[in-house]
C-alpha atoms as a PDB file:
ATOM      1  CA  UNK A   1      91.840 102.328 134.512  1.00  0.00           C
ATOM      2  CA  UNK A   2      93.480 105.510 133.313  1.00  0.00           C
ATOM      3  CA  UNK A   3      94.288 106.333 129.677  1.00  0.00           C
ATOM      4  CA  UNK A   4      97.078 108.718 128.787  1.00  0.00           C
ATOM      5  CA  UNK A   5      97.974 109.890 125.294  1.00  0.00           C
ATOM      6  CA  UNK A   6     101.562 110.947 124.742  1.00  0.00           C
ATOM      7  CA  UNK A   7     102.617 112.763 121.608  1.00  0.00           C
ATOM      8  CA  UNK A   8     106.049 113.424 120.222  1.00  0.00           C
ATOM      9  CA  UNK A   9     107.375 114.762 116.969  1.00  0.00           C
ATOM     10  CA  UNK A  10     108.897 112.009 114.861  1.00  0.00           C
ATOM     11  CA  UNK A  11     108.658 112.933 111.201  1.00  0.00           C
ATOM     12  CA  UNK A  12     111.105 110.329 109.917  1.00  0.00           C
ATOM     13  CA  UNK A  13     109.347 107.431 111.623  1.00  0.00           C
ATOM     14  CA  UNK A  14     105.867 108.582 110.615  1.00  0.00           C
ATOM     15  CA  UNK A  15     106.828 108.868 106.943  1.00  0.00           C
ATOM     16  CA  UNK A  16     108.433 105.434 106.930  1.00  0.00           C
ATOM     17  CA  UNK A  17     105.594 103.710 108.840  1.00  0.00           C
ATOM     18  CA  UNK A  18     102.879 105.264 106.673  1.00  0.00           C
ATOM     19  CA  UNK A  19     104.795 104.510 103.454  1.00  0.00           C
ATOM     20  CA  UNK A  20     105.293 100.860 104.399  1.00  0.00           C
ATOM     21  CA  UNK A  21     101.718 100.445 105.684  1.00  0.00           C
ATOM     22  CA  UNK A  22     100.419 101.640 102.328  1.00  0.00           C
ATOM     23  CA  UNK A  23     102.772  99.337 100.429  1.00  0.00           C
ATOM     24  CA  UNK A  24     104.790 102.066  98.717  1.00  0.00           C
ATOM     25  CA  UNK A  25     108.458 101.876  97.922  1.00  0.00           C
ATOM     26  CA  UNK A  26     110.476 105.064  98.249  1.00  0.00           C
ATOM     27  CA  UNK A  27     110.468 105.266  94.459  1.00  0.00           C
ATOM     28  CA  UNK A  28     106.651 105.033  94.311  1.00  0.00           C
ATOM     29  CA  UNK A  29     106.183 107.616  97.074  1.00  0.00           C
ATOM     30  CA  UNK A  30     108.623 109.860  95.258  1.00  0.00           C
ATOM     31  CA  UNK A  31     106.630 109.593  92.048  1.00  0.00           C
ATOM     32  CA  UNK A  32     103.344 110.307  93.870  1.00  0.00           C
ATOM     33  CA  UNK A  33     104.727 113.253  95.839  1.00  0.00           C
ATOM     34  CA  UNK A  34     107.229 114.763  93.429  1.00  0.00           C
ATOM     35  CA  UNK A  35     109.960 114.346  96.061  1.00  0.00           C
ATOM     36  CA  UNK A  36     113.190 112.570  95.087  1.00  0.00           C
ATOM     37  CA  UNK A  37     113.480 109.043  96.502  1.00  0.00           C
ATOM     38  CA  UNK A  38     116.931 109.923  97.863  1.00  0.00           C
ATOM     39  CA  UNK A  39     115.400 112.829  99.816  1.00  0.00           C
ATOM     40  CA  UNK A  40     112.769 110.446 101.237  1.00  0.00           C
ATOM     41  CA  UNK A  41     115.553 108.031 102.237  1.00  0.00           C
ATOM     42  CA  UNK A  42     117.501 110.788 103.974  1.00  0.00           C
ATOM     43  CA  UNK A  43     114.392 111.958 105.861  1.00  0.00           C
ATOM     44  CA  UNK A  44     113.529 108.407 106.944  1.00  0.00           C
ATOM     45  CA  UNK A  45     117.106 107.782 108.095  1.00  0.00           C
ATOM     46  CA  UNK A  46     117.118 111.103 110.009  1.00  0.00           C
ATOM     47  CA  UNK A  47     120.040 112.348 107.906  1.00  0.00           C
ATOM     48  CA  UNK A  48     118.119 115.265 106.399  1.00  0.00           C
ATOM     49  CA  UNK A  49     118.828 118.237 108.651  1.00  0.00           C
ATOM     50  CA  UNK A  50     115.880 120.492 107.806  1.00  0.00           C
ATOM     51  CA  UNK A  51     112.734 119.334 106.057  1.00  0.00           C
ATOM     52  CA  UNK A  52     110.826 122.131 104.355  1.00  0.00           C
ATOM     53  CA  UNK A  53     107.118 122.476 104.907  1.00  0.00           C
ATOM     54  CA  UNK A  54     106.334 122.062 101.199  1.00  0.00           C
ATOM     55  CA  UNK A  55     108.105 118.669 101.269  1.00  0.00           C
ATOM     56  CA  UNK A  56     106.132 117.560 104.340  1.00  0.00           C
ATOM     57  CA  UNK A  57     102.870 118.701 102.732  1.00  0.00           C
ATOM     58  CA  UNK A  58     103.649 116.844  99.485  1.00  0.00           C
ATOM     59  CA  UNK A  59     104.463 113.626 101.374  1.00  0.00           C
ATOM     60  CA  UNK A  60     101.349 113.878 103.555  1.00  0.00           C
ATOM     61  CA  UNK A  61      99.153 114.477 100.509  1.00  0.00           C
ATOM     62  CA  UNK A  62     100.692 111.538  98.624  1.00  0.00           C
ATOM     63  CA  UNK A  63     100.159 109.297 101.663  1.00  0.00           C
ATOM     64  CA  UNK A  64      96.595 110.565 102.128  1.00  0.00           C
ATOM     65  CA  UNK A  65      97.182 111.693 105.707  1.00  0.00           C
ATOM     66  CA  UNK A  66      97.026 114.994 107.578  1.00  0.00           C
ATOM     67  CA  UNK A  67     100.009 117.120 108.526  1.00  0.00           C
ATOM     68  CA  UNK A  68      99.380 116.247 112.170  1.00  0.00           C
ATOM     69  CA  UNK A  69      99.435 112.532 111.335  1.00  0.00           C
ATOM     70  CA  UNK A  70     102.740 112.808 109.505  1.00  0.00           C
ATOM     71  CA  UNK A  71     104.445 114.946 112.144  1.00  0.00           C
ATOM     72  CA  UNK A  72     103.115 113.691 115.479  1.00  0.00           C
ATOM     73  CA  UNK A  73     103.570 110.155 116.732  1.00  0.00           C
ATOM     74  CA  UNK A  74     100.865 109.320 119.249  1.00  0.00           C
ATOM     75  CA  UNK A  75     101.244 106.680 121.899  1.00  0.00           C
ATOM     76  CA  UNK A  76      98.292 105.534 123.947  1.00  0.00           C
ATOM     77  CA  UNK A  77      99.198 104.275 127.383  1.00  0.00           C
ATOM     78  CA  UNK A  78      96.634 102.461 129.478  1.00  0.00           C
ATOM     79  CA  UNK A  79      97.258 102.344 133.192  1.00  0.00           C
ATOM     80  CA  UNK A  80      95.377  99.909 135.340  1.00  0.00           C
ATOM     81  CA  UNK A  81      95.476 100.830 138.968  1.00  0.00           C
ATOM     82  CA  UNK A  82      95.061  97.932 141.347  1.00  0.00           C
ATOM     83  CA  UNK A  83      93.534  98.818 144.680  1.00  0.00           C
END
């Protein structure tokens, strides 16, 4: 068996998944982070062209996750080689 970890940058998906997993609405995350709920919506819908680092940091802090966790989507792939 071989395990491979693939990483890709997917900020919009990571914000949305972490927000939903923690049970926050966009409004609640906005209140916790100081970021407007409309900005969070635009980021999640990939309609926000450039997301500033201070916004990413505020969202990560409000979600209680690291910058790496909010930026990088990790996929674990397990390969089973049959001989």
